[in-house]
């Protein structure tokens, strides 16, 4: 337990350090536009430029900036956006719920489809159904998300006009009932969520299928069949339950991929999550916002891994007996 806690602290320190260094390795800096005479944001007064650099701490040595960054992060102070002149925490509170809605919706849908499809394909391995599901999952998981998203936009947004092309809700809309609001939010969520679901479902399907095929050959499955148990009970309570243990660990590892995929998809669909915020902040070299977003993403991924450990402990009696 002490070793795991120490490993967690070392991982957290490494993540925070990389989060500080990587934005600063990008060419340019947050005040580049203010120092460029060809820019519309150019500040002619050198004293004003110097005071801005001092205000944001960019005139301090890198070591001192690092120490201030660590101290602020541990206090929960993520700093002030240089581009928007607003607290980073306030920006994250405005954008994070949208990203979580998209990510959790896609992860839930991909997990459900992967588990159900993988279990059915394993049970019918070698059949036409199994082959069709395997081919479909491989194509879905290997198609670039921007290509999938553009096809969905063209077909369902532009041609058929069934779903909105962009945004998270209808601009200036007034809702008479919660149902109207939910329907509008769901319509805007549909295309980004389907795009991310298709990117995630293939690997989950193949993992469940392969794990369950391995489980079906175990001795206890032969004993369960000999007892005359029903097909549904064999499939769900014996084979699928044991095949879900590696799936849970994979789900936690995939949480980081899902979040980063969501950030890219949000930019494609102009969805009001953290993706657009990150994109604009990288262009402007807005260090505090970039750092704040990736601190939150890292915390969510670490939390997902801790949750996966707990779930696998609950699912696998052998782990409980080993403690």
Protein backbone atom coordinates (compact mmCIF):
# COMPACT_ATOMS: atom_id res chain seq x y z
CA UNK A 1 0.00 0.00 0.00
CA UNK A 2 2.85 2.38 0.85
CA UNK A 3 4.54 1.55 -2.45
CA UNK A 4 1.33 2.32 -4.36
CA UNK A 5 0.93 5.65 -2.52
CA UNK A 6 4.56 6.55 -3.25
CA UNK A 7 4.09 5.63 -6.92
CA UNK A 8 0.97 7.81 -7.07
CA UNK A 9 2.86 10.81 -5.63
CA UNK A 10 5.77 10.35 -8.03
CA UNK A 11 3.38 10.09 -10.97
CA UNK A 12 1.55 13.23 -9.83
CA UNK A 13 4.81 15.16 -9.53
CA UNK A 14 5.95 13.98 -12.99
CA UNK A 15 2.61 14.99 -14.54
CA UNK A 16 2.72 18.44 -12.93
CA UNK A 17 6.33 18.97 -14.03
CA UNK A 18 5.64 17.98 -17.64
CA UNK A 19 2.52 20.14 -17.56
CA UNK A 20 4.70 23.12 -16.64
CA UNK A 21 7.50 22.44 -19.14
CA UNK A 22 5.66 21.39 -22.30
CA UNK A 23 3.79 24.69 -22.95
CA UNK A 24 7.06 26.56 -22.50
CA UNK A 25 8.77 24.42 -25.12
CA UNK A 26 6.37 25.78 -27.74
CA UNK A 27 7.84 28.56 -29.89
CA UNK A 28 6.72 32.03 -28.85
CA UNK A 29 5.25 33.20 -25.56
CA UNK A 30 1.96 34.65 -24.26
CA UNK A 31 3.06 38.23 -24.76
CA UNK A 32 4.44 37.73 -28.29
CA UNK A 33 1.51 39.56 -29.87
CA UNK A 34 2.03 42.49 -27.54
CA UNK A 35 5.67 42.76 -28.62
CA UNK A 36 5.04 42.38 -32.37
CA UNK A 37 4.69 45.80 -34.07
CA UNK A 38 2.68 44.21 -36.91
CA UNK A 39 0.06 42.90 -34.48
CA UNK A 40 -3.16 44.77 -33.75
CA UNK A 41 -2.59 43.98 -30.06
CA UNK A 42 0.86 45.61 -30.03
CA UNK A 43 1.56 47.67 -26.91
CA UNK A 44 3.67 50.69 -27.84
CA UNK A 45 4.59 51.62 -24.29
CA UNK A 46 7.59 49.56 -23.16
CA UNK A 47 6.80 50.24 -19.51
CA UNK A 48 3.31 48.78 -19.99
CA UNK A 49 4.77 45.69 -21.64
CA UNK A 50 7.19 45.27 -18.75
CA UNK A 51 4.42 45.66 -16.19
CA UNK A 52 2.34 43.00 -18.00
CA UNK A 53 5.25 40.56 -17.93
CA UNK A 54 5.73 41.28 -14.22
CA UNK A 55 1.98 40.91 -13.51
CA UNK A 56 1.86 37.45 -15.07
CA UNK A 57 5.20 36.42 -13.59
CA UNK A 58 6.84 35.93 -16.98
CA UNK A 59 9.84 38.08 -16.06
CA UNK A 60 10.85 35.72 -13.24
CA UNK A 61 13.46 32.95 -13.58
CA UNK A 62 12.05 29.63 -14.80
CA UNK A 63 12.82 27.93 -11.47
CA UNK A 64 10.82 30.54 -9.58
CA UNK A 65 7.94 30.23 -12.06
CA UNK A 66 8.00 26.46 -11.49
CA UNK A 67 7.93 26.87 -7.71
CA UNK A 68 5.07 29.39 -7.92
CA UNK A 69 3.17 27.05 -10.28
CA UNK A 70 3.51 24.05 -7.94
CA UNK A 71 2.50 26.10 -4.89
CA UNK A 72 -0.54 27.56 -6.67
CA UNK A 73 -1.66 24.17 -8.01
CA UNK A 74 -1.46 22.55 -4.58
CA UNK A 75 -3.57 25.43 -3.19
CA UNK A 76 -6.11 24.98 -6.00
CA UNK A 77 -5.15 28.32 -7.58
CA UNK A 78 -4.68 27.69 -11.32
CA UNK A 79 -3.84 31.30 -12.10
CA UNK A 80 -5.24 33.92 -14.44
CA UNK A 81 -5.77 33.55 -18.18
CA UNK A 82 -3.39 35.87 -20.02
CA UNK A 83 -5.55 35.91 -23.16
CA UNK A 84 -8.95 36.41 -21.49
CA UNK A 85 -7.88 38.01 -18.20
CA UNK A 86 -10.20 35.69 -16.25
CA UNK A 87 -9.42 33.11 -13.55
CA UNK A 88 -8.58 29.73 -15.05
CA UNK A 89 -10.81 28.01 -12.50
CA UNK A 90 -13.78 30.06 -13.71
CA UNK A 91 -13.08 29.10 -17.35
CA UNK A 92 -12.82 25.41 -16.43
CA UNK A 93 -16.09 25.49 -14.50
CA UNK A 94 -17.76 26.89 -17.61
CA UNK A 95 -16.28 24.38 -20.09
CA UNK A 96 -15.57 21.19 -18.12
CA UNK A 97 -19.24 20.05 -17.72
CA UNK A 98 -19.64 20.03 -21.52
CA UNK A 99 -16.53 17.88 -21.95
CA UNK A 100 -17.62 15.49 -19.20
CA UNK A 101 -21.08 15.18 -20.76
CA UNK A 102 -19.58 14.28 -24.14
CA UNK A 103 -16.91 11.94 -22.74
CA UNK A 104 -19.17 10.06 -20.32
CA UNK A 105 -21.91 9.68 -22.95
CA UNK A 106 -19.48 8.25 -25.50
CA UNK A 107 -17.69 6.03 -22.98
CA UNK A 108 -20.98 4.63 -21.70
CA UNK A 109 -22.32 3.97 -25.20
CA UNK A 110 -19.04 2.45 -26.42
CA UNK A 111 -18.75 0.27 -23.31
CA UNK A 112 -22.32 -1.01 -23.62
CA UNK A 113 -21.95 -1.75 -27.34
CA UNK A 114 -18.51 -3.29 -26.82
CA UNK A 115 -19.64 -5.58 -24.00
CA UNK A 116 -22.86 -6.72 -25.68
CA UNK A 117 -21.32 -7.09 -29.13
CA UNK A 118 -18.13 -8.73 -27.87
CA UNK A 119 -20.04 -11.24 -25.76
CA UNK A 120 -22.33 -12.15 -28.65
CA UNK A 121 -19.44 -12.44 -31.12
CA UNK A 122 -17.46 -14.67 -28.73
CA UNK A 123 -20.46 -16.89 -28.10
CA UNK A 124 -20.97 -17.24 -31.88
CA UNK A 125 -17.27 -17.26 -32.79
CA UNK A 126 -16.56 -18.28 -36.36
CA UNK A 127 -20.09 -17.45 -37.52
CA UNK A 128 -21.11 -14.83 -40.08
CA UNK A 129 -22.32 -12.61 -37.23
CA UNK A 130 -18.94 -12.82 -35.52
CA UNK A 131 -17.05 -11.97 -38.72
CA UNK A 132 -19.33 -9.03 -39.54
CA UNK A 133 -18.97 -7.58 -36.03
CA UNK A 134 -15.16 -7.96 -36.09
CA UNK A 135 -14.84 -6.24 -39.48
CA UNK A 136 -17.19 -3.42 -38.44
CA UNK A 137 -15.32 -2.81 -35.17
CA UNK A 138 -11.91 -2.72 -36.89
CA UNK A 139 -13.14 -0.21 -39.49
CA UNK A 140 -14.81 1.99 -36.86
CA UNK A 141 -11.79 2.08 -34.53
CA UNK A 142 -9.24 2.77 -37.30
CA UNK A 143 -11.11 5.51 -39.14
CA UNK A 144 -9.67 8.97 -38.25
CA UNK A 145 -12.08 10.87 -36.02
CA UNK A 146 -11.95 13.99 -38.17
CA UNK A 147 -12.95 11.91 -41.22
CA UNK A 148 -15.80 10.21 -39.33
CA UNK A 149 -16.96 13.53 -37.92
CA UNK A 150 -16.92 15.25 -41.30
CA UNK A 151 -18.93 12.42 -42.90
CA UNK A 152 -21.53 12.63 -40.11
CA UNK A 153 -21.68 16.40 -40.45
CA UNK A 154 -22.18 16.26 -44.22
CA UNK A 155 -24.79 13.48 -44.12
CA UNK A 156 -26.85 14.20 -41.01
CA UNK A 157 -26.18 17.91 -40.60
CA UNK A 158 -25.89 19.40 -44.09
CA UNK A 159 -27.71 16.98 -46.42
CA UNK A 160 -30.50 15.55 -44.27
CA UNK A 161 -30.65 18.53 -41.86
CA UNK A 162 -31.61 16.21 -39.00
CA UNK A 163 -29.09 17.49 -36.46
CA UNK A 164 -27.33 20.81 -35.70
CA UNK A 165 -23.96 21.40 -37.31
CA UNK A 166 -22.22 22.98 -34.32
CA UNK A 167 -22.51 24.26 -30.77
CA UNK A 168 -23.84 22.80 -27.57
CA UNK A 169 -27.29 24.41 -27.61
CA UNK A 170 -29.38 26.69 -29.82
CA UNK A 171 -28.21 30.28 -29.45
CA UNK A 172 -30.59 32.54 -27.49
CA UNK A 173 -33.08 29.67 -27.10
CA UNK A 174 -35.74 29.92 -24.39
CA UNK A 175 -37.09 26.62 -23.12
CA UNK A 176 -40.65 26.24 -21.89
CA UNK A 177 -40.02 22.89 -20.17
CA UNK A 178 -36.96 20.87 -19.04
CA UNK A 179 -37.86 18.34 -21.74
CA UNK A 180 -37.38 20.98 -24.47
CA UNK A 181 -33.99 21.90 -23.02
CA UNK A 182 -32.91 18.24 -22.80
CA UNK A 183 -34.01 17.60 -26.39
CA UNK A 184 -32.05 20.61 -27.68
CA UNK A 185 -28.92 19.64 -25.72
CA UNK A 186 -29.21 16.03 -26.92
CA UNK A 187 -29.58 17.10 -30.56
CA UNK A 188 -26.35 19.12 -30.35
CA UNK A 189 -24.60 16.32 -28.47
CA UNK A 190 -25.57 13.55 -30.92
CA UNK A 191 -22.98 14.00 -33.69
CA UNK A 192 -19.93 14.59 -31.42
CA UNK A 193 -20.97 11.69 -29.17
CA UNK A 194 -21.47 9.28 -32.09
CA UNK A 195 -18.08 10.28 -33.53
CA UNK A 196 -16.30 9.61 -30.25
CA UNK A 197 -18.28 6.40 -29.63
CA UNK A 198 -17.23 4.98 -32.99
CA UNK A 199 -13.60 5.78 -32.19
CA UNK A 200 -13.81 3.97 -28.83
CA UNK A 201 -16.06 0.97 -29.46
CA UNK A 202 -13.73 -1.14 -31.62
CA UNK A 203 -11.02 -1.80 -29.06
CA UNK A 204 -13.60 -2.49 -26.33
CA UNK A 205 -15.44 -4.97 -28.56
CA UNK A 206 -12.27 -6.87 -29.46
CA UNK A 207 -11.06 -6.98 -25.86
CA UNK A 208 -14.35 -8.40 -24.55
CA UNK A 209 -14.58 -10.87 -27.43
CA UNK A 210 -11.03 -12.19 -26.99
CA UNK A 211 -11.30 -12.30 -23.18
CA UNK A 212 -14.57 -14.16 -23.33
CA UNK A 213 -13.24 -16.68 -25.86
CA UNK A 214 -10.44 -17.43 -23.40
CA UNK A 215 -12.93 -17.79 -20.55
CA UNK A 216 -15.15 -20.17 -22.56
CA UNK A 217 -12.31 -22.70 -22.65
CA UNK A 218 -11.76 -22.75 -18.88
CA UNK A 219 -12.50 -25.86 -16.82
CA UNK A 220 -15.18 -24.18 -14.72
CA UNK A 221 -17.14 -23.41 -17.89
CA UNK A 222 -17.10 -27.12 -18.76
CA UNK A 223 -18.37 -27.90 -15.26
CA UNK A 224 -21.12 -25.26 -15.59
CA UNK A 225 -22.22 -26.79 -18.90
CA UNK A 226 -22.22 -30.26 -17.34
CA UNK A 227 -24.59 -28.98 -14.65
CA UNK A 228 -27.11 -28.17 -17.38
CA UNK A 229 -27.21 -24.41 -16.76
CA UNK A 230 -29.13 -22.31 -19.27
CA UNK A 231 -27.39 -20.54 -22.13
CA UNK A 232 -28.21 -17.10 -20.71
CA UNK A 233 -26.79 -17.97 -17.30
CA UNK A 234 -23.63 -19.47 -18.82
CA UNK A 235 -23.10 -16.41 -20.99
CA UNK A 236 -23.86 -13.64 -18.50
CA UNK A 237 -23.05 -14.98 -15.03
CA UNK A 238 -20.05 -17.18 -15.79
CA UNK A 239 -18.33 -16.19 -19.03
CA UNK A 240 -19.06 -12.46 -19.26
CA UNK A 241 -18.47 -11.70 -15.57
CA UNK A 242 -14.91 -13.09 -15.72
CA UNK A 243 -14.23 -11.51 -19.12
CA UNK A 244 -15.11 -8.06 -17.67
CA UNK A 245 -12.08 -7.95 -15.34
CA UNK A 246 -9.51 -6.99 -18.05
CA UNK A 247 -12.17 -4.79 -19.65
CA UNK A 248 -12.42 -2.66 -16.49
CA UNK A 249 -8.66 -1.97 -16.53
CA UNK A 250 -8.84 -1.16 -20.22
CA UNK A 251 -11.72 1.24 -19.57
CA UNK A 252 -9.62 3.24 -17.11
CA UNK A 253 -6.67 3.35 -19.50
CA UNK A 254 -9.02 4.44 -22.28
CA UNK A 255 -10.39 7.32 -20.19
CA UNK A 256 -7.36 9.44 -21.10
CA UNK A 257 -7.78 8.64 -24.80
CA UNK A 258 -11.47 9.45 -24.57
CA UNK A 259 -10.77 12.84 -22.99
CA UNK A 260 -8.10 13.80 -25.52
CA UNK A 261 -10.32 12.55 -28.35
CA UNK A 262 -13.17 14.63 -26.97
CA UNK A 263 -10.98 17.75 -27.01
CA UNK A 264 -10.25 17.25 -30.72
CA UNK A 265 -13.86 16.43 -31.60
CA UNK A 266 -15.09 19.52 -29.72
CA UNK A 267 -12.92 21.67 -31.97
CA UNK A 268 -14.33 19.98 -35.08
CA UNK A 269 -17.95 20.49 -33.99
CA UNK A 270 -17.33 23.82 -32.23
CA UNK A 271 -18.70 22.17 -29.09
CA UNK A 272 -18.37 24.44 -26.01
CA UNK A 273 -16.13 22.11 -24.00
CA UNK A 274 -12.46 22.37 -23.14
CA UNK A 275 -11.31 21.44 -26.67
CA UNK A 276 -11.94 24.86 -28.17
CA UNK A 277 -10.51 26.49 -25.04
CA UNK A 278 -7.30 24.46 -25.35
CA UNK A 279 -6.96 25.12 -29.08
CA UNK A 280 -7.27 28.89 -28.70
CA UNK A 281 -5.00 28.88 -25.64
CA UNK A 282 -2.25 26.95 -27.45
CA UNK A 283 -2.39 29.41 -30.35
CA UNK A 284 -2.08 32.32 -27.88
CA UNK A 285 0.50 30.47 -25.69
CA UNK A 286 -1.78 31.06 -22.70
CA UNK A 287 0.28 29.02 -20.22
CA UNK A 288 -2.10 29.15 -17.21
CA UNK A 289 -5.09 27.86 -19.21
CA UNK A 290 -3.07 25.10 -20.91
CA UNK A 291 -1.69 24.01 -17.54
CA UNK A 292 -5.09 24.19 -15.85
CA UNK A 293 -6.79 22.04 -18.50
CA UNK A 294 -4.15 19.33 -18.38
CA UNK A 295 -4.07 19.30 -14.58
CA UNK A 296 -7.82 18.59 -14.63
CA UNK A 297 -7.45 15.95 -17.37
CA UNK A 298 -4.62 14.25 -15.45
CA UNK A 299 -6.66 14.25 -12.23
CA UNK A 300 -9.62 12.68 -14.06
CA UNK A 301 -7.41 9.96 -15.59
CA UNK A 302 -5.76 9.14 -12.24
CA UNK A 303 -9.20 9.03 -10.63
CA UNK A 304 -10.42 6.66 -13.36
CA UNK A 305 -7.51 4.32 -12.65
CA UNK A 306 -8.27 4.31 -8.92
CA UNK A 307 -11.92 3.54 -9.72
CA UNK A 308 -10.81 0.69 -12.00
CA UNK A 309 -8.72 -0.80 -9.19
CA UNK A 310 -11.75 -0.73 -6.90
CA UNK A 311 -14.05 -2.25 -9.53
CA UNK A 312 -11.64 -5.06 -10.36
CA UNK A 313 -11.32 -5.76 -6.63
CA UNK A 314 -15.11 -6.07 -6.42
CA UNK A 315 -15.37 -8.22 -9.54
CA UNK A 316 -12.46 -10.61 -8.83
CA UNK A 317 -12.82 -12.65 -5.62
CA UNK A 318 -9.18 -13.77 -5.95
CA UNK A 319 -7.97 -10.22 -5.30
CA UNK A 320 -10.09 -9.95 -2.17
CA UNK A 321 -8.75 -13.26 -0.88
CA UNK A 322 -5.17 -12.17 -1.51
CA UNK A 323 -5.53 -9.16 0.80
